[in-house]
């Protein structure tokens, strides 16, 4: 898949708008979900998504291929999200969120899964921005620690530490919510 993205980047660097549209269609949803999980504002996330892809259009010729295209684009989204949070006065950069889709046909199973998803969403929402980002990129975007480190602009060891602590915090939060019977 990344070879497809690299091919599209080459075409975009040559001014091919159709290639940009194809790359946008391929990465729109995961990038949007990542941005909205950081900002918790769908409208602002949509604006930033478009800014990200405008940056891709303007700087495709500078993409060197040292990382996956997806990693490079998530890096742009990450930095733009940080800029927005700084403008808001929210500089605590350690959180991310997600959405879980339940494909279960059983209504009881769907209800239980929805409650579990709510538990997870709540607990992920309690994490700092950096922890949330690392967890989201690792588990929902299937990025490696090295790719996440590149997106966040920090050493790989920092990402490993963030994910380790985020998992501990999530487990503690989830266990506490289950014990209290919070839905």
N, C-alpha and C. Protein backbone atom coordinates (compact mmCIF):
# COMPACT_ATOMS: atom_id res chain seq x y z
N UNK A 1 0.83 -1.19 0.00
CA UNK A 1 0.00 0.00 0.00
C UNK A 1 0.87 1.25 0.00
N UNK A 2 1.97 1.22 0.77
CA UNK A 2 2.82 2.41 0.80
C UNK A 2 3.45 2.67 -0.56
N UNK A 3 3.70 1.61 -1.33
CA UNK A 3 4.25 1.84 -2.67
C UNK A 3 3.23 2.59 -3.53
N UNK A 4 1.94 2.30 -3.32
CA UNK A 4 0.89 3.05 -4.02
C UNK A 4 0.92 4.52 -3.60
N UNK A 5 1.07 4.75 -2.29
CA UNK A 5 1.12 6.12 -1.78
C UNK A 5 2.35 6.85 -2.31
N UNK A 6 3.50 6.16 -2.37
CA UNK A 6 4.72 6.80 -2.90
C UNK A 6 4.54 7.14 -4.38
N UNK A 7 3.91 6.25 -5.12
CA UNK A 7 3.64 6.52 -6.53
C UNK A 7 2.76 7.76 -6.66
N UNK A 8 1.72 7.84 -5.81
CA UNK A 8 0.85 9.01 -5.85
C UNK A 8 1.62 10.28 -5.49
N UNK A 9 2.51 10.19 -4.52
CA UNK A 9 3.31 11.36 -4.12
C UNK A 9 4.17 11.85 -5.28
N UNK A 10 4.74 10.92 -6.03
CA UNK A 10 5.54 11.29 -7.19
C UNK A 10 4.68 12.03 -8.21
N UNK A 11 3.49 11.52 -8.43
CA UNK A 11 2.56 12.17 -9.37
C UNK A 11 2.11 13.54 -8.84
N UNK A 12 1.87 13.62 -7.52
CA UNK A 12 1.46 14.90 -6.93
C UNK A 12 2.57 15.93 -7.08
N UNK A 13 3.81 15.50 -6.85
CA UNK A 13 4.96 16.40 -7.00
C UNK A 13 5.04 16.94 -8.42
N UNK A 14 4.53 16.18 -9.39
CA UNK A 14 4.50 16.62 -10.77
C UNK A 14 3.26 17.45 -11.13
N UNK A 15 2.42 17.74 -10.12
CA UNK A 15 1.25 18.59 -10.34
C UNK A 15 -0.03 17.84 -10.70
N UNK A 16 -0.07 16.54 -10.44
CA UNK A 16 -1.25 15.73 -10.79
C UNK A 16 -2.32 15.83 -9.70
N UNK A 17 -3.37 16.59 -9.99
CA UNK A 17 -4.46 16.79 -9.03
C UNK A 17 -5.25 15.51 -8.79
N UNK A 18 -5.35 14.65 -9.80
CA UNK A 18 -6.05 13.38 -9.64
C UNK A 18 -5.33 12.49 -8.62
N UNK A 19 -4.01 12.55 -8.62
CA UNK A 19 -3.23 11.77 -7.66
C UNK A 19 -3.48 12.29 -6.24
N UNK A 20 -3.57 13.61 -6.10
CA UNK A 20 -3.89 14.18 -4.79
C UNK A 20 -5.26 13.72 -4.33
N UNK A 21 -6.22 13.72 -5.24
CA UNK A 21 -7.58 13.27 -4.89
C UNK A 21 -7.56 11.80 -4.47
N UNK A 22 -6.77 10.99 -5.13
CA UNK A 22 -6.69 9.56 -4.78
C UNK A 22 -6.03 9.37 -3.42
N UNK A 23 -4.97 10.13 -3.14
CA UNK A 23 -4.32 10.03 -1.84
C UNK A 23 -5.25 10.53 -0.73
N UNK A 24 -5.96 11.59 -1.01
CA UNK A 24 -6.94 12.13 -0.06
C UNK A 24 -7.98 11.07 0.28
N UNK A 25 -8.53 10.42 -0.75
CA UNK A 25 -9.54 9.38 -0.50
C UNK A 25 -8.97 8.23 0.32
N UNK A 26 -7.73 7.90 0.08
CA UNK A 26 -7.10 6.77 0.78
C UNK A 26 -6.83 7.08 2.25
N UNK A 27 -6.50 8.32 2.57
CA UNK A 27 -6.06 8.64 3.93
C UNK A 27 -6.97 9.60 4.68
N UNK A 28 -8.01 10.08 4.04
CA UNK A 28 -8.90 11.07 4.65
C UNK A 28 -9.44 10.61 6.01
N UNK A 29 -10.03 9.43 6.07
CA UNK A 29 -10.67 8.98 7.31
C UNK A 29 -9.70 8.81 8.47
N UNK A 30 -8.60 8.07 8.29
CA UNK A 30 -7.70 7.91 9.45
C UNK A 30 -7.08 9.23 9.90
N UNK A 31 -6.74 10.10 8.96
CA UNK A 31 -6.14 11.39 9.35
C UNK A 31 -7.19 12.24 10.06
N UNK A 32 -8.41 12.26 9.54
CA UNK A 32 -9.49 13.03 10.18
C UNK A 32 -9.74 12.52 11.60
N UNK A 33 -9.86 11.21 11.76
CA UNK A 33 -10.11 10.65 13.10
C UNK A 33 -8.99 11.01 14.06
N UNK A 34 -7.77 10.98 13.56
CA UNK A 34 -6.63 11.35 14.41
C UNK A 34 -6.74 12.81 14.84
N UNK A 35 -7.03 13.70 13.91
CA UNK A 35 -7.12 15.12 14.23
C UNK A 35 -8.27 15.39 15.20
N UNK A 36 -9.43 14.81 14.92
CA UNK A 36 -10.59 15.07 15.78
C UNK A 36 -10.36 14.49 17.17
N UNK A 37 -9.61 13.41 17.27
CA UNK A 37 -9.32 12.83 18.58
C UNK A 37 -8.43 13.75 19.41
N UNK A 38 -7.63 14.53 18.75
CA UNK A 38 -6.75 15.47 19.46
C UNK A 38 -7.49 16.75 19.83
N UNK A 39 -8.36 17.23 18.93
CA UNK A 39 -8.98 18.54 19.12
C UNK A 39 -10.39 18.47 19.67
N UNK A 40 -11.05 17.33 19.51
CA UNK A 40 -12.43 17.15 19.96
C UNK A 40 -13.36 18.21 19.36
N UNK A 41 -13.10 18.56 18.12
CA UNK A 41 -13.92 19.54 17.41
C UNK A 41 -13.98 19.12 15.95
N UNK A 42 -15.09 18.47 15.54
CA UNK A 42 -15.19 17.97 14.17
C UNK A 42 -15.03 19.03 13.08
N UNK A 43 -15.55 20.22 13.33
CA UNK A 43 -15.47 21.29 12.33
C UNK A 43 -14.03 21.76 12.16
N UNK A 44 -13.38 21.99 13.27
CA UNK A 44 -11.99 22.42 13.21
C UNK A 44 -11.10 21.31 12.64
N UNK A 45 -11.41 20.07 12.99
CA UNK A 45 -10.65 18.93 12.47
C UNK A 45 -10.78 18.86 10.95
N UNK A 46 -11.97 19.14 10.44
CA UNK A 46 -12.19 19.14 9.00
C UNK A 46 -11.36 20.22 8.32
N UNK A 47 -11.31 21.39 8.93
CA UNK A 47 -10.48 22.48 8.38
C UNK A 47 -9.01 22.08 8.35
N UNK A 48 -8.55 21.48 9.44
CA UNK A 48 -7.15 21.09 9.52
C UNK A 48 -6.85 19.97 8.52
N UNK A 49 -7.79 19.05 8.36
CA UNK A 49 -7.61 17.99 7.37
C UNK A 49 -7.33 18.58 6.00
N UNK A 50 -8.10 19.58 5.62
CA UNK A 50 -7.90 20.21 4.32
C UNK A 50 -6.56 20.94 4.27
N UNK A 51 -6.16 21.58 5.37
CA UNK A 51 -4.86 22.24 5.42
C UNK A 51 -3.73 21.22 5.26
N UNK A 52 -3.89 20.07 5.89
CA UNK A 52 -2.88 19.01 5.79
C UNK A 52 -2.68 18.62 4.33
N UNK A 53 -3.77 18.39 3.63
CA UNK A 53 -3.64 17.96 2.24
C UNK A 53 -3.22 19.10 1.31
N UNK A 54 -3.49 20.33 1.71
CA UNK A 54 -2.94 21.46 0.94
C UNK A 54 -1.42 21.49 1.12
N UNK A 55 -0.95 21.21 2.33
CA UNK A 55 0.50 21.12 2.57
C UNK A 55 1.10 19.98 1.76
N UNK A 56 0.39 18.86 1.68
CA UNK A 56 0.87 17.73 0.87
C UNK A 56 1.02 18.21 -0.58
N UNK A 57 0.03 18.90 -1.09
CA UNK A 57 0.07 19.40 -2.47
C UNK A 57 1.27 20.33 -2.68
N UNK A 58 1.44 21.25 -1.72
CA UNK A 58 2.51 22.25 -1.87
C UNK A 58 3.90 21.68 -1.67
N UNK A 59 4.02 20.62 -0.87
CA UNK A 59 5.37 20.15 -0.52
C UNK A 59 5.66 18.72 -0.95
N UNK A 60 4.86 18.17 -1.82
CA UNK A 60 5.06 16.79 -2.28
C UNK A 60 6.44 16.60 -2.90
N UNK A 61 6.95 17.62 -3.55
CA UNK A 61 8.26 17.51 -4.19
C UNK A 61 9.39 17.45 -3.15
N UNK A 62 9.10 17.79 -1.91
CA UNK A 62 10.12 17.71 -0.85
C UNK A 62 10.06 16.40 -0.06
N UNK A 63 9.06 15.57 -0.35
CA UNK A 63 8.97 14.27 0.32
C UNK A 63 10.13 13.41 -0.19
N UNK A 64 10.98 12.97 0.74
CA UNK A 64 12.20 12.25 0.37
C UNK A 64 12.05 10.74 0.41
N UNK A 65 10.93 10.25 0.91
CA UNK A 65 10.72 8.81 0.94
C UNK A 65 11.45 8.09 2.05
N UNK A 66 11.97 8.81 3.03
CA UNK A 66 12.67 8.16 4.15
C UNK A 66 11.70 7.53 5.14
N UNK A 67 10.43 7.88 5.02
CA UNK A 67 9.38 7.30 5.87
C UNK A 67 8.23 6.91 4.97
N UNK A 68 7.24 6.25 5.56
CA UNK A 68 6.02 5.97 4.80
C UNK A 68 5.30 7.29 4.54
N UNK A 69 4.59 7.35 3.46
CA UNK A 69 3.81 8.55 3.12
C UNK A 69 2.81 8.82 4.24
N UNK A 70 2.16 7.77 4.72
CA UNK A 70 1.17 7.93 5.79
C UNK A 70 1.81 8.55 7.03
N UNK A 71 3.01 8.11 7.38
CA UNK A 71 3.71 8.65 8.54
C UNK A 71 3.99 10.12 8.34
N UNK A 72 4.44 10.47 7.16
CA UNK A 72 4.75 11.87 6.83
C UNK A 72 3.50 12.73 6.96
N UNK A 73 2.38 12.24 6.45
CA UNK A 73 1.13 13.00 6.49
C UNK A 73 0.61 13.11 7.93
N UNK A 74 0.70 12.02 8.70
CA UNK A 74 0.28 12.10 10.11
C UNK A 74 1.16 13.08 10.87
N UNK A 75 2.42 13.19 10.50
CA UNK A 75 3.31 14.18 11.12
C UNK A 75 2.83 15.59 10.87
N UNK A 76 2.40 15.86 9.65
CA UNK A 76 1.85 17.18 9.32
C UNK A 76 0.60 17.44 10.17
N UNK A 77 -0.28 16.44 10.24
CA UNK A 77 -1.53 16.57 11.03
C UNK A 77 -1.21 16.78 12.51
N UNK A 78 -0.23 16.06 13.00
CA UNK A 78 0.17 16.18 14.41
C UNK A 78 0.63 17.61 14.71
N UNK A 79 1.51 18.14 13.86
CA UNK A 79 2.04 19.49 14.10
C UNK A 79 0.95 20.55 13.97
N UNK A 80 0.04 20.39 13.02
CA UNK A 80 -1.04 21.35 12.87
C UNK A 80 -1.99 21.30 14.07
N UNK A 81 -2.22 20.11 14.60
CA UNK A 81 -3.06 19.97 15.79
C UNK A 81 -2.42 20.64 16.99
N UNK A 82 -1.11 20.46 17.13
CA UNK A 82 -0.40 21.11 18.23
C UNK A 82 -0.51 22.63 18.11
N UNK A 83 -0.37 23.15 16.89
CA UNK A 83 -0.50 24.60 16.68
C UNK A 83 -1.86 25.10 17.14
N UNK A 84 -2.91 24.37 16.79
CA UNK A 84 -4.26 24.77 17.20
C UNK A 84 -4.40 24.71 18.72
N UNK A 85 -3.88 23.64 19.33
CA UNK A 85 -3.98 23.53 20.79
C UNK A 85 -3.20 24.64 21.48
N UNK A 86 -2.08 25.02 20.92
CA UNK A 86 -1.30 26.13 21.50
C UNK A 86 -2.08 27.43 21.39
N UNK A 87 -2.73 27.64 20.25
CA UNK A 87 -3.53 28.85 20.07
C UNK A 87 -4.67 28.89 21.06
N UNK A 88 -5.20 27.73 21.40
CA UNK A 88 -6.29 27.64 22.38
C UNK A 88 -5.76 27.83 23.79
N UNK A 89 -4.44 27.73 23.95
CA UNK A 89 -3.86 27.83 25.28
C UNK A 89 -3.74 26.48 25.96
N UNK A 90 -3.95 25.44 25.20
CA UNK A 90 -3.86 24.08 25.75
C UNK A 90 -2.57 23.46 25.24
N UNK A 91 -1.53 23.53 26.05
CA UNK A 91 -0.21 23.09 25.62
C UNK A 91 0.14 21.71 26.16
N UNK A 92 -0.73 21.10 26.95
CA UNK A 92 -0.47 19.76 27.50
C UNK A 92 -0.63 18.76 26.37
N UNK A 93 0.47 18.36 25.76
CA UNK A 93 0.43 17.57 24.54
C UNK A 93 0.57 16.08 24.82
N UNK A 94 -0.48 15.43 25.34
CA UNK A 94 -0.40 13.99 25.59
C UNK A 94 -1.72 13.23 25.50
N UNK A 95 -2.57 13.35 24.48
CA UNK A 95 -3.82 12.59 24.41
C UNK A 95 -4.27 12.22 23.01
N UNK A 96 -5.11 11.18 22.90
CA UNK A 96 -5.78 10.76 21.67
C UNK A 96 -6.98 9.90 21.98
N UNK A 97 -7.90 9.84 21.06
CA UNK A 97 -9.14 9.10 21.26
C UNK A 97 -9.42 8.26 20.02
N UNK A 98 -10.51 7.52 20.04
CA UNK A 98 -10.82 6.67 18.90
C UNK A 98 -12.32 6.39 18.87
N UNK A 99 -12.72 5.75 17.82
CA UNK A 99 -14.09 5.25 17.73
C UNK A 99 -14.01 3.76 17.47
N UNK A 100 -14.86 2.99 18.14
CA UNK A 100 -14.87 1.55 17.94
C UNK A 100 -16.17 1.17 17.26
N UNK A 101 -16.08 0.46 16.17
CA UNK A 101 -17.27 0.02 15.44
C UNK A 101 -17.60 -1.39 15.88
N UNK A 102 -18.88 -1.65 16.18
CA UNK A 102 -19.32 -2.97 16.61
C UNK A 102 -20.10 -3.62 15.48
N UNK A 103 -19.58 -4.74 14.95
CA UNK A 103 -20.24 -5.44 13.86
C UNK A 103 -21.12 -6.59 14.34
N UNK A 104 -21.34 -6.71 15.63
CA UNK A 104 -22.08 -7.82 16.19
C UNK A 104 -23.57 -7.73 15.85
N UNK A 105 -24.17 -8.84 15.41
CA UNK A 105 -25.59 -8.82 15.07
C UNK A 105 -26.51 -8.91 16.29
N UNK A 106 -26.00 -9.42 17.40
CA UNK A 106 -26.79 -9.63 18.60
C UNK A 106 -26.97 -8.31 19.34
N UNK A 107 -28.23 -7.93 19.62
CA UNK A 107 -28.51 -6.65 20.27
C UNK A 107 -27.86 -6.55 21.65
N UNK A 108 -27.91 -7.62 22.44
CA UNK A 108 -27.31 -7.61 23.77
C UNK A 108 -25.80 -7.43 23.66
N UNK A 109 -25.21 -8.15 22.72
CA UNK A 109 -23.77 -8.03 22.49
C UNK A 109 -23.43 -6.62 22.04
N UNK A 110 -24.26 -6.04 21.18
CA UNK A 110 -24.04 -4.68 20.71
C UNK A 110 -24.10 -3.69 21.87
N UNK A 111 -25.09 -3.86 22.74
CA UNK A 111 -25.22 -2.97 23.89
C UNK A 111 -24.01 -3.09 24.80
N UNK A 112 -23.59 -4.33 25.09
CA UNK A 112 -22.42 -4.55 25.95
C UNK A 112 -21.16 -3.97 25.31
N UNK A 113 -21.01 -4.20 24.02
CA UNK A 113 -19.83 -3.67 23.32
C UNK A 113 -19.86 -2.14 23.31
N UNK A 114 -21.03 -1.56 23.14
CA UNK A 114 -21.15 -0.11 23.17
C UNK A 114 -20.77 0.46 24.52
N UNK A 115 -21.19 -0.23 25.59
CA UNK A 115 -20.82 0.22 26.93
C UNK A 115 -19.31 0.10 27.13
N UNK A 116 -18.72 -1.01 26.64
CA UNK A 116 -17.27 -1.17 26.75
C UNK A 116 -16.56 -0.08 25.95
N UNK A 117 -17.05 0.22 24.76
CA UNK A 117 -16.44 1.26 23.94
C UNK A 117 -16.53 2.61 24.65
N UNK A 118 -17.68 2.86 25.29
CA UNK A 118 -17.83 4.09 26.06
C UNK A 118 -16.81 4.14 27.20
N UNK A 119 -16.61 2.98 27.87
CA UNK A 119 -15.60 2.92 28.93
C UNK A 119 -14.23 3.28 28.37
N UNK A 120 -13.88 2.65 27.26
CA UNK A 120 -12.57 2.88 26.66
C UNK A 120 -12.44 4.33 26.22
N UNK A 121 -13.47 4.87 25.54
CA UNK A 121 -13.45 6.26 25.10
C UNK A 121 -13.25 7.20 26.27
N UNK A 122 -14.01 6.95 27.34
CA UNK A 122 -13.87 7.79 28.53
C UNK A 122 -12.44 7.74 29.06
N UNK A 123 -11.92 6.54 29.18
CA UNK A 123 -10.58 6.39 29.76
C UNK A 123 -9.51 6.98 28.85
N UNK A 124 -9.64 6.81 27.56
CA UNK A 124 -8.68 7.42 26.64
C UNK A 124 -8.78 8.94 26.75
N UNK A 125 -9.98 9.45 26.96
CA UNK A 125 -10.17 10.89 27.11
C UNK A 125 -9.52 11.46 28.35
N UNK A 126 -9.20 10.62 29.33
CA UNK A 126 -8.54 11.11 30.54
C UNK A 126 -7.03 11.21 30.39
N UNK A 127 -6.50 10.62 29.31
CA UNK A 127 -5.05 10.64 29.10
C UNK A 127 -4.58 12.02 28.64
N UNK A 128 -3.32 12.30 28.89
CA UNK A 128 -2.71 13.51 28.36
C UNK A 128 -2.57 13.35 26.85
N UNK A 129 -2.43 14.47 26.14
CA UNK A 129 -2.36 14.46 24.68
C UNK A 129 -1.29 13.51 24.14
N UNK A 130 -0.07 13.54 24.69
CA UNK A 130 1.02 12.70 24.17
C UNK A 130 0.70 11.22 24.32
N UNK A 131 0.13 10.84 25.46
CA UNK A 131 -0.23 9.44 25.67
C UNK A 131 -1.35 9.02 24.72
N UNK A 132 -2.35 9.86 24.59
CA UNK A 132 -3.47 9.56 23.72
C UNK A 132 -3.02 9.43 22.26
N UNK A 133 -2.16 10.33 21.83
CA UNK A 133 -1.64 10.27 20.46
C UNK A 133 -0.89 8.98 20.21
N UNK A 134 -0.01 8.64 21.13
CA UNK A 134 0.80 7.42 20.96
C UNK A 134 -0.09 6.18 20.90
N UNK A 135 -1.05 6.09 21.80
CA UNK A 135 -1.97 4.93 21.81
C UNK A 135 -2.78 4.88 20.52
N UNK A 136 -3.31 6.00 20.09
CA UNK A 136 -4.13 6.03 18.88
C UNK A 136 -3.33 5.61 17.65
N UNK A 137 -2.15 6.17 17.51
CA UNK A 137 -1.33 5.83 16.35
C UNK A 137 -0.88 4.38 16.38
N UNK A 138 -0.57 3.88 17.56
CA UNK A 138 -0.10 2.49 17.66
C UNK A 138 -1.23 1.50 17.42
N UNK A 139 -2.35 1.68 18.07
CA UNK A 139 -3.39 0.68 18.05
C UNK A 139 -4.47 0.89 17.01
N UNK A 140 -4.68 2.11 16.58
CA UNK A 140 -5.74 2.36 15.61
C UNK A 140 -5.22 2.69 14.23
N UNK A 141 -3.95 3.09 14.14
CA UNK A 141 -3.34 3.34 12.83
C UNK A 141 -2.24 2.32 12.53
N UNK A 142 -2.02 1.38 13.45
CA UNK A 142 -1.03 0.32 13.26
C UNK A 142 0.36 0.83 12.92
N UNK A 143 0.75 1.94 13.52
CA UNK A 143 2.08 2.48 13.29
C UNK A 143 3.07 1.84 14.25
N UNK A 144 4.31 1.73 13.81
CA UNK A 144 5.37 1.22 14.67
C UNK A 144 5.82 2.33 15.61
N UNK A 145 6.58 1.95 16.64
CA UNK A 145 7.11 2.96 17.55
C UNK A 145 7.96 3.98 16.79
N UNK A 146 8.76 3.50 15.84
CA UNK A 146 9.62 4.40 15.07
C UNK A 146 8.78 5.39 14.26
N UNK A 147 7.69 4.91 13.66
CA UNK A 147 6.83 5.80 12.89
C UNK A 147 6.14 6.82 13.78
N UNK A 148 5.70 6.38 14.94
CA UNK A 148 5.05 7.31 15.88
C UNK A 148 6.05 8.35 16.35
N UNK A 149 7.28 7.92 16.61
CA UNK A 149 8.34 8.84 17.04
C UNK A 149 8.58 9.90 15.96
N UNK A 150 8.55 9.47 14.71
CA UNK A 150 8.75 10.42 13.61
C UNK A 150 7.58 11.41 13.54
N UNK A 151 6.36 10.90 13.68
CA UNK A 151 5.19 11.78 13.66
C UNK A 151 5.27 12.81 14.78
N UNK A 152 5.62 12.36 15.98
CA UNK A 152 5.64 13.23 17.15
C UNK A 152 6.92 14.05 17.27
N UNK A 153 7.95 13.66 16.52
CA UNK A 153 9.21 14.39 16.59
C UNK A 153 9.96 14.18 17.88
N UNK A 154 9.86 12.96 18.43
CA UNK A 154 10.55 12.62 19.68
C UNK A 154 11.28 11.29 19.47
N UNK A 155 12.21 10.95 20.38
CA UNK A 155 12.90 9.67 20.26
C UNK A 155 11.95 8.48 20.42
N UNK A 156 12.31 7.36 19.81
CA UNK A 156 11.50 6.15 19.87
C UNK A 156 11.31 5.69 21.32
N UNK A 157 12.34 5.82 22.14
CA UNK A 157 12.24 5.44 23.55
C UNK A 157 11.15 6.22 24.27
N UNK A 158 10.99 7.48 23.90
CA UNK A 158 9.94 8.31 24.51
C UNK A 158 8.57 7.74 24.17
N UNK A 159 8.40 7.30 22.94
CA UNK A 159 7.12 6.72 22.52
C UNK A 159 6.86 5.43 23.29
N UNK A 160 7.88 4.59 23.43
CA UNK A 160 7.72 3.34 24.18
C UNK A 160 7.28 3.64 25.61
N UNK A 161 7.89 4.64 26.20
CA UNK A 161 7.53 5.03 27.57
C UNK A 161 6.11 5.56 27.63
N UNK A 162 5.73 6.40 26.68
CA UNK A 162 4.37 6.95 26.66
C UNK A 162 3.33 5.84 26.53
N UNK A 163 3.59 4.90 25.65
CA UNK A 163 2.62 3.81 25.45
C UNK A 163 2.57 2.93 26.69
N UNK A 164 3.71 2.65 27.30
CA UNK A 164 3.74 1.85 28.53
C UNK A 164 2.89 2.51 29.61
N UNK A 165 3.12 3.80 29.83
CA UNK A 165 2.37 4.51 30.87
C UNK A 165 0.89 4.66 30.50
N UNK A 166 0.62 4.89 29.23
CA UNK A 166 -0.78 5.03 28.79
C UNK A 166 -1.54 3.73 29.03
N UNK A 167 -0.91 2.60 28.73
CA UNK A 167 -1.56 1.30 28.97
C UNK A 167 -1.87 1.12 30.45
N UNK A 168 -0.91 1.46 31.30
CA UNK A 168 -1.13 1.33 32.75
C UNK A 168 -2.29 2.22 33.19
N UNK A 169 -2.29 3.46 32.71
CA UNK A 169 -3.37 4.39 33.08
C UNK A 169 -4.72 3.92 32.57
N UNK A 170 -4.74 3.39 31.34
CA UNK A 170 -5.99 2.87 30.78
C UNK A 170 -6.51 1.68 31.58
N UNK A 171 -5.62 0.77 31.92
CA UNK A 171 -6.03 -0.41 32.69
C UNK A 171 -6.58 0.02 34.05
N UNK A 172 -5.93 0.96 34.70
CA UNK A 172 -6.39 1.45 36.00
C UNK A 172 -7.76 2.11 35.86
N UNK A 173 -7.91 2.94 34.86
CA UNK A 173 -9.19 3.63 34.63
C UNK A 173 -10.30 2.63 34.31
N UNK A 174 -10.03 1.71 33.40
CA UNK A 174 -11.04 0.72 33.02
C UNK A 174 -11.43 -0.16 34.20
N UNK A 175 -10.45 -0.59 34.97
CA UNK A 175 -10.73 -1.44 36.14
C UNK A 175 -11.59 -0.67 37.15
N UNK A 176 -11.27 0.60 37.36
CA UNK A 176 -12.03 1.42 38.30
C UNK A 176 -13.46 1.64 37.85
N UNK A 177 -13.66 1.83 36.55
CA UNK A 177 -15.02 2.04 36.02
C UNK A 177 -15.84 0.76 36.11
N UNK A 178 -15.20 -0.38 35.87
CA UNK A 178 -15.93 -1.66 35.97
C UNK A 178 -16.33 -1.93 37.41
N UNK A 179 -15.39 -1.68 38.35
CA UNK A 179 -15.68 -1.90 39.77
C UNK A 179 -16.84 -1.03 40.24
N UNK A 180 -16.89 0.20 39.72
CA UNK A 180 -17.96 1.12 40.14
C UNK A 180 -19.23 0.90 39.34
N UNK A 181 -19.16 0.10 38.28
CA UNK A 181 -20.33 -0.15 37.45
C UNK A 181 -20.75 1.04 36.63
N UNK A 182 -19.77 1.89 36.29
CA UNK A 182 -20.06 3.08 35.50
C UNK A 182 -20.22 2.68 34.04
N UNK A 183 -21.26 3.17 33.41
CA UNK A 183 -21.50 2.85 31.99
C UNK A 183 -20.98 3.95 31.11
